[in-house]
Amino acid sequence: MKLKFNEQEDDWWTCTNYLIKERNEPIRLTFTSVDKPSERYINKVIEKLKDIDQLVLQAANEILENYSYEHYKSLGVPEEKLEKNETPEAICKRATLVSAWFMSEDCDEFELSFELPWDEYHSYDVEFENNKPLCCSVNG
């Protein structure tokens, strides 16, 4: 598959408008590579992203470590932006995937970044290693 890399900086190659499956919103898809990513690398990433629903569900577990309905309610976040059901499945439905960054051609290290309706100032970035989520960092 051909990707149009419309941003390139040092060893980061980015397609800013990649559409995954039926998801409505395109994401930023970044590859770490000294040279333009190989066809093999691109195909491995595309294959990995075919399982995006499972990856997002795994990421939701990590996002939950940084979420509390009561906390955000006490901050004055409108009720319609909050999620009462503090489960990975519920968080998964509310999280918007905005980018995926693959750090090696083996695709064993990558990061998925999300926006959440109750926090308009931060991204929630979940790091994966060997297909397992390691941690979620909140960045703003």
C-alpha atoms as a PDB file:
ATOM      1  CA  MET A   1       0.000   0.000   0.000  1.00  0.00           C
ATOM      2  CA  LYS A   2       1.205   3.481  -0.809  1.00  0.00           C
ATOM      3  CA  LEU A   3       1.181   6.060   1.953  1.00  0.00           C
ATOM      4  CA  LYS A   4       1.709   9.716   1.340  1.00  0.00           C
ATOM      5  CA  PHE A   5       4.226  10.971   3.859  1.00  0.00           C
ATOM      6  CA  ASN A   6       3.470  14.676   4.024  1.00  0.00           C
ATOM      7  CA  GLU A   7       5.682  15.449   7.019  1.00  0.00           C
ATOM      8  CA  GLN A   8       9.244  14.341   7.608  1.00  0.00           C
ATOM      9  CA  GLU A   9      11.605  15.410  10.360  1.00  0.00           C
ATOM     10  CA  ASP A  10      14.893  13.711  11.204  1.00  0.00           C
ATOM     11  CA  ASP A  11      13.873  10.058  11.537  1.00  0.00           C
ATOM     12  CA  TRP A  12      10.083  10.580  11.727  1.00  0.00           C
ATOM     13  CA  TRP A  13       7.944  10.002   8.663  1.00  0.00           C
ATOM     14  CA  THR A  14       4.285  11.002   9.035  1.00  0.00           C
ATOM     15  CA  CYS A  15       1.132  10.511   7.037  1.00  0.00           C
ATOM     16  CA  THR A  16      -1.162  13.173   8.526  1.00  0.00           C
ATOM     17  CA  ASN A  17      -4.408  11.790   7.109  1.00  0.00           C
ATOM     18  CA  TYR A  18      -4.497   8.006   7.515  1.00  0.00           C
ATOM     19  CA  LEU A  19      -7.960   6.439   7.687  1.00  0.00           C
ATOM     20  CA  ILE A  20      -8.295   3.207   9.699  1.00  0.00           C
ATOM     21  CA  LYS A  21     -11.127   0.849   8.790  1.00  0.00           C
ATOM     22  CA  GLU A  22     -14.566   2.360   9.266  1.00  0.00           C
ATOM     23  CA  ARG A  23     -13.383   5.016  11.707  1.00  0.00           C
ATOM     24  CA  ASN A  24     -14.616   8.397  10.558  1.00  0.00           C
ATOM     25  CA  GLU A  25     -11.693  10.535  11.590  1.00  0.00           C
ATOM     26  CA  PRO A  26      -8.266  10.162  10.042  1.00  0.00           C
ATOM     27  CA  ILE A  27      -5.264   9.879  12.342  1.00  0.00           C
ATOM     28  CA  ARG A  28      -1.608  10.926  12.206  1.00  0.00           C
ATOM     29  CA  LEU A  29       0.443   7.831  11.448  1.00  0.00           C
ATOM     30  CA  THR A  30       4.150   8.191  12.231  1.00  0.00           C
ATOM     31  CA  PHE A  31       7.009   5.798  11.506  1.00  0.00           C
ATOM     32  CA  THR A  32      10.461   6.036  13.072  1.00  0.00           C
ATOM     33  CA  SER A  33      12.982   5.284  10.344  1.00  0.00           C
ATOM     34  CA  VAL A  34      16.271   6.801   9.196  1.00  0.00           C
ATOM     35  CA  ASP A  35      15.200   6.409   5.568  1.00  0.00           C
ATOM     36  CA  LYS A  36      11.718   6.420   4.091  1.00  0.00           C
ATOM     37  CA  PRO A  37       9.878   3.443   5.660  1.00  0.00           C
ATOM     38  CA  SER A  38      10.112   0.250   3.651  1.00  0.00           C
ATOM     39  CA  GLU A  39       7.128  -1.445   2.072  1.00  0.00           C
ATOM     40  CA  ARG A  40       7.594  -4.268   4.624  1.00  0.00           C
ATOM     41  CA  TYR A  41       7.452  -1.803   7.543  1.00  0.00           C
ATOM     42  CA  ILE A  42       4.367  -0.081   6.140  1.00  0.00           C
ATOM     43  CA  ASN A  43       2.614  -3.420   5.591  1.00  0.00           C
ATOM     44  CA  LYS A  44       3.411  -4.588   9.145  1.00  0.00           C
ATOM     45  CA  VAL A  45       1.928  -1.372  10.569  1.00  0.00           C
ATOM     46  CA  ILE A  46      -1.202  -1.687   8.435  1.00  0.00           C
ATOM     47  CA  GLU A  47      -1.578  -5.294   9.560  1.00  0.00           C
ATOM     48  CA  LYS A  48      -1.161  -4.265  13.218  1.00  0.00           C
ATOM     49  CA  LEU A  49      -3.822  -1.554  12.800  1.00  0.00           C
ATOM     50  CA  LYS A  50      -6.345  -4.113  11.543  1.00  0.00           C
ATOM     51  CA  ASP A  51      -6.668  -5.057  15.215  1.00  0.00           C
ATOM     52  CA  ILE A  52      -7.260  -1.439  16.261  1.00  0.00           C
ATOM     53  CA  ASP A  53     -10.446  -2.131  18.223  1.00  0.00           C
ATOM     54  CA  GLN A  54      -8.601  -4.586  20.491  1.00  0.00           C
ATOM     55  CA  LEU A  55      -5.655  -2.210  20.861  1.00  0.00           C
ATOM     56  CA  VAL A  56      -7.967   0.670  21.828  1.00  0.00           C
ATOM     57  CA  LEU A  57      -9.703  -1.544  24.383  1.00  0.00           C
ATOM     58  CA  GLN A  58      -6.324  -2.443  25.897  1.00  0.00           C
ATOM     59  CA  ALA A  59      -5.355   1.239  25.927  1.00  0.00           C
ATOM     60  CA  ALA A  60      -8.614   2.097  27.712  1.00  0.00           C
ATOM     61  CA  ASN A  61      -7.418   0.097  30.721  1.00  0.00           C
ATOM     62  CA  GLU A  62      -4.426   2.418  31.001  1.00  0.00           C
ATOM     63  CA  ILE A  63      -6.515   5.546  30.386  1.00  0.00           C
ATOM     64  CA  LEU A  64      -8.743   4.513  33.304  1.00  0.00           C
ATOM     65  CA  GLU A  65      -5.751   4.900  35.612  1.00  0.00           C
ATOM     66  CA  ASN A  66      -6.063   8.648  34.919  1.00  0.00           C
ATOM     67  CA  TYR A  67      -9.850   8.998  35.093  1.00  0.00           C
ATOM     68  CA  SER A  68     -12.372   9.431  37.859  1.00  0.00           C
ATOM     69  CA  TYR A  69     -15.945  10.482  37.179  1.00  0.00           C
ATOM     70  CA  GLU A  70     -16.161  12.172  40.588  1.00  0.00           C
ATOM     71  CA  HIS A  71     -12.891  14.050  40.106  1.00  0.00           C
ATOM     72  CA  TYR A  72     -13.863  15.542  36.742  1.00  0.00           C
ATOM     73  CA  LYS A  73     -17.388  16.257  37.980  1.00  0.00           C
ATOM     74  CA  SER A  74     -15.900  18.210  40.919  1.00  0.00           C
ATOM     75  CA  LEU A  75     -13.874  20.242  38.393  1.00  0.00           C
ATOM     76  CA  GLY A  76     -17.111  21.383  36.768  1.00  0.00           C
ATOM     77  CA  VAL A  77     -16.883  19.346  33.569  1.00  0.00           C
ATOM     78  CA  PRO A  78     -20.396  19.165  32.036  1.00  0.00           C
ATOM     79  CA  GLU A  79     -22.197  15.897  32.732  1.00  0.00           C
ATOM     80  CA  GLU A  80     -22.607  15.049  29.023  1.00  0.00           C
ATOM     81  CA  LYS A  81     -18.816  15.009  28.599  1.00  0.00           C
ATOM     82  CA  LEU A  82     -18.265  12.586  31.487  1.00  0.00           C
ATOM     83  CA  GLU A  83     -18.460   8.807  31.564  1.00  0.00           C
ATOM     84  CA  LYS A  84     -20.226   7.387  34.620  1.00  0.00           C
ATOM     85  CA  ASN A  85     -19.380   3.805  33.765  1.00  0.00           C
ATOM     86  CA  GLU A  86     -15.697   3.470  34.652  1.00  0.00           C
ATOM     87  CA  THR A  87     -14.960   0.389  32.554  1.00  0.00           C
ATOM     88  CA  PRO A  88     -12.546  -0.124  29.659  1.00  0.00           C
ATOM     89  CA  GLU A  89     -15.468  -0.771  27.304  1.00  0.00           C
ATOM     90  CA  ALA A  90     -17.154   2.537  28.204  1.00  0.00           C
ATOM     91  CA  ILE A  91     -13.903   4.528  28.016  1.00  0.00           C
ATOM     92  CA  CYS A  92     -13.109   2.875  24.691  1.00  0.00           C
ATOM     93  CA  LYS A  93     -16.336   4.253  23.202  1.00  0.00           C
ATOM     94  CA  ARG A  94     -15.536   7.796  24.349  1.00  0.00           C
ATOM     95  CA  ALA A  95     -11.842   7.913  23.402  1.00  0.00           C
ATOM     96  CA  THR A  96     -10.934   9.384  20.024  1.00  0.00           C
ATOM     97  CA  LEU A  97      -7.768   7.967  18.516  1.00  0.00           C
ATOM     98  CA  VAL A  98      -5.771  10.859  17.035  1.00  0.00           C
ATOM     99  CA  SER A  99      -2.395   9.310  16.265  1.00  0.00           C
ATOM    100  CA  ALA A 100      -0.300   6.166  16.143  1.00  0.00           C
ATOM    101  CA  TRP A 101       3.482   6.225  16.279  1.00  0.00           C
ATOM    102  CA  PHE A 102       5.513   3.120  15.452  1.00  0.00           C
ATOM    103  CA  MET A 103       9.041   3.231  16.821  1.00  0.00           C
ATOM    104  CA  SER A 104      10.614   0.259  15.053  1.00  0.00           C
ATOM    105  CA  GLU A 105      10.252  -1.795  11.910  1.00  0.00           C
ATOM    106  CA  ASP A 106       9.347  -4.798  14.074  1.00  0.00           C
ATOM    107  CA  CYS A 107       6.231  -2.911  15.237  1.00  0.00           C
ATOM    108  CA  ASP A 108       6.830  -4.195  18.763  1.00  0.00           C
ATOM    109  CA  GLU A 109       7.016  -0.692  20.250  1.00  0.00           C
ATOM    110  CA  PHE A 110       4.346   1.873  19.479  1.00  0.00           C
ATOM    111  CA  GLU A 111       2.190   4.560  21.020  1.00  0.00           C
ATOM    112  CA  LEU A 112      -1.489   5.382  20.529  1.00  0.00           C
ATOM    113  CA  SER A 113      -2.666   8.893  21.424  1.00  0.00           C
ATOM    114  CA  PHE A 114      -6.235   9.792  22.327  1.00  0.00           C
ATOM    115  CA  GLU A 115      -8.432  12.791  23.006  1.00  0.00           C
ATOM    116  CA  LEU A 116     -11.174  12.479  25.615  1.00  0.00           C
ATOM    117  CA  PRO A 117     -14.307  14.619  25.923  1.00  0.00           C
ATOM    118  CA  TRP A 118     -13.785  15.478  29.598  1.00  0.00           C
ATOM    119  CA  ASP A 119     -10.272  16.858  29.098  1.00  0.00           C
ATOM    120  CA  GLU A 120      -9.827  19.287  26.224  1.00  0.00           C
ATOM    121  CA  TYR A 121      -6.296  20.277  27.260  1.00  0.00           C
ATOM    122  CA  HIS A 122      -4.423  16.961  27.252  1.00  0.00           C
ATOM    123  CA  SER A 123      -3.690  13.960  25.090  1.00  0.00           C
ATOM    124  CA  TYR A 124      -3.649  10.509  26.641  1.00  0.00           C
ATOM    125  CA  ASP A 125      -0.700   8.618  25.185  1.00  0.00           C
ATOM    126  CA  VAL A 126      -0.553   4.868  25.736  1.00  0.00           C
ATOM    127  CA  GLU A 127       2.751   3.105  25.102  1.00  0.00           C
ATOM    128  CA  PHE A 128       2.780  -0.512  23.960  1.00  0.00           C
ATOM    129  CA  GLU A 129       5.611  -3.008  23.993  1.00  0.00           C
ATOM    130  CA  ASN A 130       5.214  -6.526  22.561  1.00  0.00           C
ATOM    131  CA  ASN A 131       1.478  -5.880  22.054  1.00  0.00           C
ATOM    132  CA  LYS A 132       0.919  -5.059  25.731  1.00  0.00           C
ATOM    133  CA  PRO A 133       0.116  -1.583  27.044  1.00  0.00           C
ATOM    134  CA  LEU A 134       2.804  -0.357  29.441  1.00  0.00           C
ATOM    135  CA  CYS A 135       1.559   2.997  30.656  1.00  0.00           C
ATOM    136  CA  CYS A 136      -0.496   6.056  29.880  1.00  0.00           C
ATOM    137  CA  SER A 137       1.013   9.513  30.060  1.00  0.00           C
ATOM    138  CA  VAL A 138      -1.153  12.613  30.103  1.00  0.00           C
ATOM    139  CA  ASN A 139       0.411  15.386  28.037  1.00  0.00           C
ATOM    140  CA  GLY A 140      -0.724  18.936  27.417  1.00  0.00           C
END
